Amino acid sequence: MSSTAGPANPDSLPRLVVLISGRGSNLGALIEACNNGRVPARIVGIVSNRPNAGGLAYAEQHAIPARVLNHRDYPSREAFDEDLAEVIESFHPDLVILAGFMRILTPGFVDRFTGRLLNIHPSLLPKYRGLDTHVRALADGEHEHGASVHFVTRELDGGPVIMQARVPVLPEDTPESLATRVQRAEHRLYPEVVRRLCSGEIQWRDRIVTGDNTPLTVPLQLATNEVVPDVEAPDERSPAPRDAD
């Protein structure tokens, strides 16, 4: 994936499909970054596994095609993932972006999209994989927390980390206040990673992540002085728990 100088033909831009389960604030940040030209890409589809996901409002606001596949309508995780993969493929995506998609994906699905499947996780991976990252960071007395964008592999939250955003932990922090600041960092981090992938600065080659043609031995770090306006979500924050079924 790469971009060229000057106004881009929308049909020539890398195609993004974004998967959501809830309010979709990272989706909103990506839409804004694509619309203002900061990310040389086009979101061609939004898919939710929850019919009432607040983030679906972005699809209507920005005239982006959206599909809902309610996972509760399927007899198994494998059956859901098979239909999900077909819906995604119908958009012919260059990248598939998990933005608060609260499903554990099956190995077959992950293998199908390996190298073009991204996720953002609210911790400085490999620390605090899984849930309740902010509570765990505070309980451990961490002085620094943050978010990581990684390629998705079969190992839960274990794929190669591309870039991280670091957030200081303040003495007065609660899980809620820390989560709010980490989410603001996510809104800067995710578009920047997508921008670098679409421009070719970051690539996936034979299961190795490269930056400017050099293998990344440690994650890139988002510059703390990069300022991007916060994104208003279409509904109140109501994160869904990670599905266990």
C-alpha atoms as a PDB file:
ATOM      1  CA  MET A   1       0.000   0.000   0.000  1.00  0.00           C
ATOM      2  CA  SER A   2       1.294   3.420  -0.865  1.00  0.00           C
ATOM      3  CA  SER A   3       0.086   6.941  -1.566  1.00  0.00           C
ATOM      4  CA  THR A   4       1.078   9.491  -4.182  1.00  0.00           C
ATOM      5  CA  ALA A   5       1.510  13.230  -3.903  1.00  0.00           C
ATOM      6  CA  GLY A   6      -1.366  15.528  -4.777  1.00  0.00           C
ATOM      7  CA  PRO A   7      -5.107  14.914  -4.623  1.00  0.00           C
ATOM      8  CA  ALA A   8      -5.813  11.202  -4.658  1.00  0.00           C
ATOM      9  CA  ASN A   9      -8.447   9.459  -6.691  1.00  0.00           C
ATOM     10  CA  PRO A  10     -10.716   7.906  -4.029  1.00  0.00           C
ATOM     11  CA  ASP A  11     -10.893   4.695  -6.013  1.00  0.00           C
ATOM     12  CA  SER A  12      -7.106   4.361  -5.859  1.00  0.00           C
ATOM     13  CA  LEU A  13      -6.849   4.747  -2.075  1.00  0.00           C
ATOM     14  CA  PRO A  14      -6.294   1.741   0.209  1.00  0.00           C
ATOM     15  CA  ARG A  15      -9.599   0.281   1.327  1.00  0.00           C
ATOM     16  CA  LEU A  16     -10.362  -0.091   5.042  1.00  0.00           C
ATOM     17  CA  VAL A  17     -13.050  -2.184   6.719  1.00  0.00           C
ATOM     18  CA  VAL A  18     -13.634  -1.415  10.399  1.00  0.00           C
ATOM     19  CA  LEU A  19     -15.197  -3.871  12.860  1.00  0.00           C
ATOM     20  CA  ILE A  20     -16.969  -2.555  15.962  1.00  0.00           C
ATOM     21  CA  SER A  21     -19.092  -3.767  18.851  1.00  0.00           C
ATOM     22  CA  GLY A  22     -19.806  -0.579  20.788  1.00  0.00           C
ATOM     23  CA  ARG A  23     -19.599   3.187  20.607  1.00  0.00           C
ATOM     24  CA  GLY A  24     -16.837   3.231  18.008  1.00  0.00           C
ATOM     25  CA  SER A  25     -14.776   6.213  19.145  1.00  0.00           C
ATOM     26  CA  ASN A  26     -11.658   4.856  17.417  1.00  0.00           C
ATOM     27  CA  LEU A  27     -13.757   4.438  14.282  1.00  0.00           C
ATOM     28  CA  GLY A  28     -14.683   8.107  14.594  1.00  0.00           C
ATOM     29  CA  ALA A  29     -11.026   9.069  14.883  1.00  0.00           C
ATOM     30  CA  LEU A  30     -10.184   7.058  11.760  1.00  0.00           C
ATOM     31  CA  ILE A  31     -13.039   8.595   9.782  1.00  0.00           C
ATOM     32  CA  GLU A  32     -11.884  12.075  10.744  1.00  0.00           C
ATOM     33  CA  ALA A  33      -8.286  11.270   9.797  1.00  0.00           C
ATOM     34  CA  CYS A  34      -9.349   9.891   6.407  1.00  0.00           C
ATOM     35  CA  ASN A  35     -11.674  12.806   5.705  1.00  0.00           C
ATOM     36  CA  ASN A  36      -9.064  15.456   6.460  1.00  0.00           C
ATOM     37  CA  GLY A  37      -6.403  13.717   4.386  1.00  0.00           C
ATOM     38  CA  ARG A  38      -4.132  12.780   7.268  1.00  0.00           C
ATOM     39  CA  VAL A  39      -4.644   9.090   6.466  1.00  0.00           C
ATOM     40  CA  PRO A  40      -4.449   8.314   2.723  1.00  0.00           C
ATOM     41  CA  ALA A  41      -7.196   5.707   2.766  1.00  0.00           C
ATOM     42  CA  ARG A  42     -10.923   5.217   2.447  1.00  0.00           C
ATOM     43  CA  ILE A  43     -13.232   3.415   4.866  1.00  0.00           C
ATOM     44  CA  VAL A  44     -15.416   1.337   2.582  1.00  0.00           C
ATOM     45  CA  GLY A  45     -17.329  -0.679   5.158  1.00  0.00           C
ATOM     46  CA  ILE A  46     -18.275  -0.896   8.825  1.00  0.00           C
ATOM     47  CA  VAL A  47     -19.323  -4.215  10.365  1.00  0.00           C
ATOM     48  CA  SER A  48     -20.819  -4.726  13.817  1.00  0.00           C
ATOM     49  CA  ASN A  49     -21.713  -7.885  15.706  1.00  0.00           C
ATOM     50  CA  ARG A  50     -24.173  -5.918  17.846  1.00  0.00           C
ATOM     51  CA  PRO A  51     -27.304  -4.404  16.255  1.00  0.00           C
ATOM     52  CA  ASN A  52     -27.412  -1.581  18.827  1.00  0.00           C
ATOM     53  CA  ALA A  53     -23.758  -0.579  18.599  1.00  0.00           C
ATOM     54  CA  GLY A  54     -23.530   3.181  18.975  1.00  0.00           C
ATOM     55  CA  GLY A  55     -20.736   3.351  16.414  1.00  0.00           C
ATOM     56  CA  LEU A  56     -23.157   2.446  13.644  1.00  0.00           C
ATOM     57  CA  ALA A  57     -24.275   6.070  13.781  1.00  0.00           C
ATOM     58  CA  TYR A  58     -20.989   7.003  12.122  1.00  0.00           C
ATOM     59  CA  ALA A  59     -21.969   4.937   9.102  1.00  0.00           C
ATOM     60  CA  GLU A  60     -25.150   6.942   8.660  1.00  0.00           C
ATOM     61  CA  GLN A  61     -23.460  10.285   9.347  1.00  0.00           C
ATOM     62  CA  HIS A  62     -20.714   9.673   6.779  1.00  0.00           C
ATOM     63  CA  ALA A  63     -22.607   7.548   4.221  1.00  0.00           C
ATOM     64  CA  ILE A  64     -20.380   4.505   4.779  1.00  0.00           C
ATOM     65  CA  PRO A  65     -21.910   1.096   3.989  1.00  0.00           C
ATOM     66  CA  ALA A  66     -22.582  -0.866   7.180  1.00  0.00           C
ATOM     67  CA  ARG A  67     -23.491  -4.467   7.913  1.00  0.00           C
ATOM     68  CA  VAL A  68     -24.694  -6.067  11.138  1.00  0.00           C
ATOM     69  CA  LEU A  69     -24.083  -9.732  11.873  1.00  0.00           C
ATOM     70  CA  ASN A  70     -25.521 -10.572  15.282  1.00  0.00           C
ATOM     71  CA  HIS A  71     -23.267 -13.269  16.709  1.00  0.00           C
ATOM     72  CA  ARG A  72     -26.175 -14.541  18.807  1.00  0.00           C
ATOM     73  CA  ASP A  73     -27.885 -15.712  15.624  1.00  0.00           C
ATOM     74  CA  TYR A  74     -25.140 -18.268  14.968  1.00  0.00           C
ATOM     75  CA  PRO A  75     -24.779 -21.784  16.407  1.00  0.00           C
ATOM     76  CA  SER A  76     -21.008 -21.545  16.790  1.00  0.00           C
ATOM     77  CA  ARG A  77     -18.118 -19.132  16.750  1.00  0.00           C
ATOM     78  CA  GLU A  78     -16.833 -20.797  13.589  1.00  0.00           C
ATOM     79  CA  ALA A  79     -20.133 -20.292  11.758  1.00  0.00           C
ATOM     80  CA  PHE A  80     -20.208 -16.616  12.691  1.00  0.00           C
ATOM     81  CA  ASP A  81     -16.608 -16.045  11.681  1.00  0.00           C
ATOM     82  CA  GLU A  82     -17.178 -17.728   8.325  1.00  0.00           C
ATOM     83  CA  ASP A  83     -20.018 -15.357   7.452  1.00  0.00           C
ATOM     84  CA  LEU A  84     -18.099 -12.411   8.905  1.00  0.00           C
ATOM     85  CA  ALA A  85     -15.142 -13.181   6.666  1.00  0.00           C
ATOM     86  CA  GLU A  86     -17.372 -13.327   3.599  1.00  0.00           C
ATOM     87  CA  VAL A  87     -18.942  -9.960   4.434  1.00  0.00           C
ATOM     88  CA  ILE A  88     -15.521  -8.415   4.921  1.00  0.00           C
ATOM     89  CA  GLU A  89     -14.193  -9.859   1.664  1.00  0.00           C
ATOM     90  CA  SER A  90     -17.169  -8.399  -0.193  1.00  0.00           C
ATOM     91  CA  PHE A  91     -15.671  -4.941   0.491  1.00  0.00           C
ATOM     92  CA  HIS A  92     -12.274  -5.997  -0.990  1.00  0.00           C
ATOM     93  CA  PRO A  93     -10.287  -4.491   1.889  1.00  0.00           C
ATOM     94  CA  ASP A  94      -6.580  -3.788   2.069  1.00  0.00           C
ATOM     95  CA  LEU A  95      -6.771  -3.568   5.870  1.00  0.00           C
ATOM     96  CA  VAL A  96      -9.263  -4.949   8.389  1.00  0.00           C
ATOM     97  CA  ILE A  97      -9.307  -2.838  11.539  1.00  0.00           C
ATOM     98  CA  LEU A  98     -10.674  -4.030  14.866  1.00  0.00           C
ATOM     99  CA  ALA A  99     -11.926  -0.958  16.725  1.00  0.00           C
ATOM    100  CA  GLY A 100     -13.530  -2.209  19.901  1.00  0.00           C
ATOM    101  CA  PHE A 101     -14.669  -5.454  18.261  1.00  0.00           C
ATOM    102  CA  MET A 102     -15.317  -7.578  21.325  1.00  0.00           C
ATOM    103  CA  ARG A 103     -14.976 -11.053  19.886  1.00  0.00           C
ATOM    104  CA  ILE A 104     -12.265 -13.673  20.218  1.00  0.00           C
ATOM    105  CA  LEU A 105     -11.613 -14.623  16.601  1.00  0.00           C
ATOM    106  CA  THR A 106     -11.158 -18.191  15.431  1.00  0.00           C
ATOM    107  CA  PRO A 107      -7.811 -19.373  14.033  1.00  0.00           C
ATOM    108  CA  GLY A 108      -9.315 -19.831  10.575  1.00  0.00           C
ATOM    109  CA  PHE A 109     -10.519 -16.236  10.470  1.00  0.00           C
ATOM    110  CA  VAL A 110      -7.196 -14.867  11.708  1.00  0.00           C
ATOM    111  CA  ASP A 111      -5.249 -16.929   9.181  1.00  0.00           C
ATOM    112  CA  ARG A 112      -7.456 -15.666   6.362  1.00  0.00           C
ATOM    113  CA  PHE A 113      -6.574 -12.034   7.095  1.00  0.00           C
ATOM    114  CA  THR A 114      -3.063 -12.398   8.482  1.00  0.00           C
ATOM    115  CA  GLY A 115      -0.909  -9.409   7.648  1.00  0.00           C
ATOM    116  CA  ARG A 116      -3.843  -7.071   7.087  1.00  0.00           C
ATOM    117  CA  LEU A 117      -5.714  -7.498  10.401  1.00  0.00           C
ATOM    118  CA  LEU A 118      -5.057  -4.854  13.088  1.00  0.00           C
ATOM    119  CA  ASN A 119      -6.155  -4.392  16.680  1.00  0.00           C
ATOM    120  CA  ILE A 120      -5.666  -1.741  19.348  1.00  0.00           C
ATOM    121  CA  HIS A 121      -5.243  -2.813  22.959  1.00  0.00           C
ATOM    122  CA  PRO A 122      -5.345  -0.537  26.046  1.00  0.00           C
ATOM    123  CA  SER A 123      -1.972  -1.434  27.543  1.00  0.00           C
ATOM    124  CA  LEU A 124       1.700  -1.361  26.729  1.00  0.00           C
ATOM    125  CA  LEU A 125       1.875  -4.900  25.394  1.00  0.00           C
ATOM    126  CA  PRO A 126       3.078  -7.452  26.331  1.00  0.00           C
ATOM    127  CA  LYS A 127       1.886  -6.119  29.687  1.00  0.00           C
ATOM    128  CA  TYR A 128      -1.740  -6.697  30.618  1.00  0.00           C
ATOM    129  CA  ARG A 129      -3.146  -8.797  27.851  1.00  0.00           C
ATOM    130  CA  GLY A 130      -6.873  -9.414  28.097  1.00  0.00           C
ATOM    131  CA  LEU A 131      -9.368  -7.392  30.124  1.00  0.00           C
ATOM    132  CA  ASP A 132      -9.345  -4.860  32.983  1.00  0.00           C
ATOM    133  CA  THR A 133      -6.030  -3.384  31.933  1.00  0.00           C
ATOM    134  CA  HIS A 134      -6.479  -0.072  33.742  1.00  0.00           C
ATOM    135  CA  VAL A 135      -7.488  -1.705  37.027  1.00  0.00           C
ATOM    136  CA  ARG A 136      -4.516  -4.044  36.833  1.00  0.00           C
ATOM    137  CA  ALA A 137      -2.053  -1.271  36.011  1.00  0.00           C
ATOM    138  CA  LEU A 138      -3.200   0.786  39.004  1.00  0.00           C
ATOM    139  CA  ALA A 139      -3.131  -2.236  41.301  1.00  0.00           C
ATOM    140  CA  ASP A 140       0.475  -2.903  40.307  1.00  0.00           C
ATOM    141  CA  GLY A 141       1.495   0.679  40.989  1.00  0.00           C
ATOM    142  CA  GLU A 142       2.547   1.377  37.412  1.00  0.00           C
ATOM    143  CA  HIS A 143       3.877   4.847  36.673  1.00  0.00           C
ATOM    144  CA  GLU A 144       3.172   4.523  32.949  1.00  0.00           C
ATOM    145  CA  HIS A 145       0.352   2.969  30.953  1.00  0.00           C
ATOM    146  CA  GLY A 146      -0.893   3.362  27.403  1.00  0.00           C
ATOM    147  CA  ALA A 147      -2.092   1.632  24.250  1.00  0.00           C
ATOM    148  CA  SER A 148      -0.618  -0.622  21.570  1.00  0.00           C
ATOM    149  CA  VAL A 149      -1.542  -1.302  17.951  1.00  0.00           C
ATOM    150  CA  HIS A 150      -0.576  -4.763  16.762  1.00  0.00           C
ATOM    151  CA  PHE A 151      -1.094  -7.189  13.939  1.00  0.00           C
ATOM    152  CA  VAL A 152      -3.548  -9.894  14.970  1.00  0.00           C
ATOM    153  CA  THR A 153      -2.310 -13.466  15.162  1.00  0.00           C
ATOM    154  CA  ARG A 154      -3.747 -16.588  16.731  1.00  0.00           C
ATOM    155  CA  GLU A 155      -2.309 -15.630  20.128  1.00  0.00           C
ATOM    156  CA  LEU A 156      -4.713 -13.335  21.988  1.00  0.00           C
ATOM    157  CA  ASP A 157      -3.188  -9.831  22.144  1.00  0.00           C
ATOM    158  CA  GLY A 158       0.092 -11.473  21.169  1.00  0.00           C
ATOM    159  CA  GLY A 159       0.721 -10.378  17.579  1.00  0.00           C
ATOM    160  CA  PRO A 160       3.650  -8.157  16.603  1.00  0.00           C
ATOM    161  CA  VAL A 161       3.285  -4.706  18.153  1.00  0.00           C
ATOM    162  CA  ILE A 162       3.673  -1.903  15.627  1.00  0.00           C
ATOM    163  CA  MET A 163       3.426   1.246  17.707  1.00  0.00           C
ATOM    164  CA  GLN A 164       2.545   2.352  21.213  1.00  0.00           C
ATOM    165  CA  ALA A 165       1.319   5.528  22.900  1.00  0.00           C
ATOM    166  CA  ARG A 166       2.449   6.087  26.473  1.00  0.00           C
ATOM    167  CA  VAL A 167       0.353   7.780  29.152  1.00  0.00           C
ATOM    168  CA  PRO A 168       1.626   8.726  32.631  1.00  0.00           C
ATOM    169  CA  VAL A 169      -0.269   7.312  35.591  1.00  0.00           C
ATOM    170  CA  LEU A 170      -1.171  10.115  37.989  1.00  0.00           C
ATOM    171  CA  PRO A 171      -1.352   9.692  41.778  1.00  0.00           C
ATOM    172  CA  GLU A 172      -5.061  10.564  41.801  1.00  0.00           C
ATOM    173  CA  ASP A 173      -5.997   8.293  38.892  1.00  0.00           C
ATOM    174  CA  THR A 174      -8.974   5.968  39.008  1.00  0.00           C
ATOM    175  CA  PRO A 175      -9.585   3.244  36.432  1.00  0.00           C
ATOM    176  CA  GLU A 176     -12.088   5.595  34.776  1.00  0.00           C
ATOM    177  CA  SER A 177      -9.804   8.641  34.580  1.00  0.00           C
ATOM    178  CA  LEU A 178      -6.909   6.536  33.338  1.00  0.00           C
ATOM    179  CA  ALA A 179      -9.139   4.890  30.730  1.00  0.00           C
ATOM    180  CA  THR A 180     -10.231   8.310  29.462  1.00  0.00           C
ATOM    181  CA  ARG A 181      -6.653   9.483  28.924  1.00  0.00           C
ATOM    182  CA  VAL A 182      -5.613   6.214  27.316  1.00  0.00           C
ATOM    183  CA  GLN A 183      -8.551   6.440  24.929  1.00  0.00           C
ATOM    184  CA  ARG A 184      -7.510   9.951  23.898  1.00  0.00           C
ATOM    185  CA  ALA A 185      -4.081   8.542  23.111  1.00  0.00           C
ATOM    186  CA  GLU A 186      -5.712   5.762  21.095  1.00  0.00           C
ATOM    187  CA  HIS A 187      -7.428   8.376  18.924  1.00  0.00           C
ATOM    188  CA  ARG A 188      -3.982   9.656  17.917  1.00  0.00           C
ATOM    189  CA  LEU A 189      -2.254   6.288  17.782  1.00  0.00           C
ATOM    190  CA  TYR A 190      -4.555   4.246  15.557  1.00  0.00           C
ATOM    191  CA  PRO A 191      -4.763   6.752  12.668  1.00  0.00           C
ATOM    192  CA  GLU A 192      -0.997   7.210  12.740  1.00  0.00           C
ATOM    193  CA  VAL A 193      -0.378   3.475  12.415  1.00  0.00           C
ATOM    194  CA  VAL A 194      -2.924   3.184   9.604  1.00  0.00           C
ATOM    195  CA  ARG A 195      -1.320   6.167   7.870  1.00  0.00           C
ATOM    196  CA  ARG A 196       2.101   4.536   7.965  1.00  0.00           C
ATOM    197  CA  LEU A 197       0.757   1.235   6.690  1.00  0.00           C
ATOM    198  CA  CYS A 198      -1.127   2.884   3.838  1.00  0.00           C
ATOM    199  CA  SER A 199       1.908   4.949   2.851  1.00  0.00           C
ATOM    200  CA  GLY A 200       4.182   1.919   2.896  1.00  0.00           C
ATOM    201  CA  GLU A 201       6.344   3.185   5.770  1.00  0.00           C
ATOM    202  CA  ILE A 202       5.327   0.084   7.741  1.00  0.00           C
ATOM    203  CA  GLN A 203       4.929  -3.303   6.088  1.00  0.00           C
ATOM    204  CA  TRP A 204       4.273  -6.928   6.960  1.00  0.00           C
ATOM    205  CA  ARG A 205       6.723  -9.186   5.174  1.00  0.00           C
ATOM    206  CA  ASP A 206       6.849 -12.917   5.854  1.00  0.00           C
ATOM    207  CA  ARG A 207       5.397 -12.379   9.345  1.00  0.00           C
ATOM    208  CA  ILE A 208       7.996  -9.700  10.110  1.00  0.00           C
ATOM    209  CA  VAL A 209       7.030  -6.061  10.670  1.00  0.00           C
ATOM    210  CA  THR A 210       9.324  -3.583   8.947  1.00  0.00           C
ATOM    211  CA  GLY A 211       9.591   0.179   9.245  1.00  0.00           C
ATOM    212  CA  ASP A 212      11.298   1.942   6.358  1.00  0.00           C
ATOM    213  CA  ASN A 213      12.461  -1.507   5.169  1.00  0.00           C
ATOM    214  CA  THR A 214      14.119  -2.286   8.524  1.00  0.00           C
ATOM    215  CA  PRO A 215      12.714  -5.014  10.820  1.00  0.00           C
ATOM    216  CA  LEU A 216      11.189  -3.540  13.962  1.00  0.00           C
ATOM    217  CA  THR A 217      12.877  -5.096  16.980  1.00  0.00           C
ATOM    218  CA  VAL A 218      10.901  -2.898  19.392  1.00  0.00           C
ATOM    219  CA  PRO A 219       7.579  -1.096  18.892  1.00  0.00           C
ATOM    220  CA  LEU A 220       7.598   2.403  17.476  1.00  0.00           C
ATOM    221  CA  GLN A 221       6.534   5.111  19.922  1.00  0.00           C
ATOM    222  CA  LEU A 222       3.991   7.820  19.172  1.00  0.00           C
ATOM    223  CA  ALA A 223       5.386  11.310  19.672  1.00  0.00           C
ATOM    224  CA  THR A 224       3.807  12.820  22.762  1.00  0.00           C
ATOM    225  CA  ASN A 225       3.640  16.284  21.216  1.00  0.00           C
ATOM    226  CA  GLU A 226       1.366  15.192  18.364  1.00  0.00           C
ATOM    227  CA  VAL A 227      -1.998  16.829  18.970  1.00  0.00           C
ATOM    228  CA  VAL A 228      -5.182  15.659  17.313  1.00  0.00           C
ATOM    229  CA  PRO A 229      -8.661  16.896  18.332  1.00  0.00           C
ATOM    230  CA  ASP A 230     -10.671  14.525  20.491  1.00  0.00           C
ATOM    231  CA  VAL A 231     -13.481  12.689  18.745  1.00  0.00           C
ATOM    232  CA  GLU A 232     -17.002  12.883  20.064  1.00  0.00           C
ATOM    233  CA  ALA A 233     -18.611   9.471  20.169  1.00  0.00           C
ATOM    234  CA  PRO A 234     -22.241   9.182  19.054  1.00  0.00           C
ATOM    235  CA  ASP A 235     -23.356   7.776  22.398  1.00  0.00           C
ATOM    236  CA  GLU A 236     -22.216   7.464  25.999  1.00  0.00           C
ATOM    237  CA  ARG A 237     -19.287   5.221  26.832  1.00  0.00           C
ATOM    238  CA  SER A 238     -20.598   1.702  27.401  1.00  0.00           C
ATOM    239  CA  PRO A 239     -17.843  -0.775  26.611  1.00  0.00           C
ATOM    240  CA  ALA A 240     -19.062  -4.289  26.014  1.00  0.00           C
ATOM    241  CA  PRO A 241     -17.319  -7.175  27.775  1.00  0.00           C
ATOM    242  CA  ARG A 242     -15.213  -9.502  25.698  1.00  0.00           C
ATOM    243  CA  ASP A 243     -17.418 -12.389  24.616  1.00  0.00           C
ATOM    244  CA  ALA A 244     -16.626 -15.681  26.287  1.00  0.00           C
ATOM    245  CA  ASP A 245     -18.943 -17.819  24.151  1.00  0.00           C
END
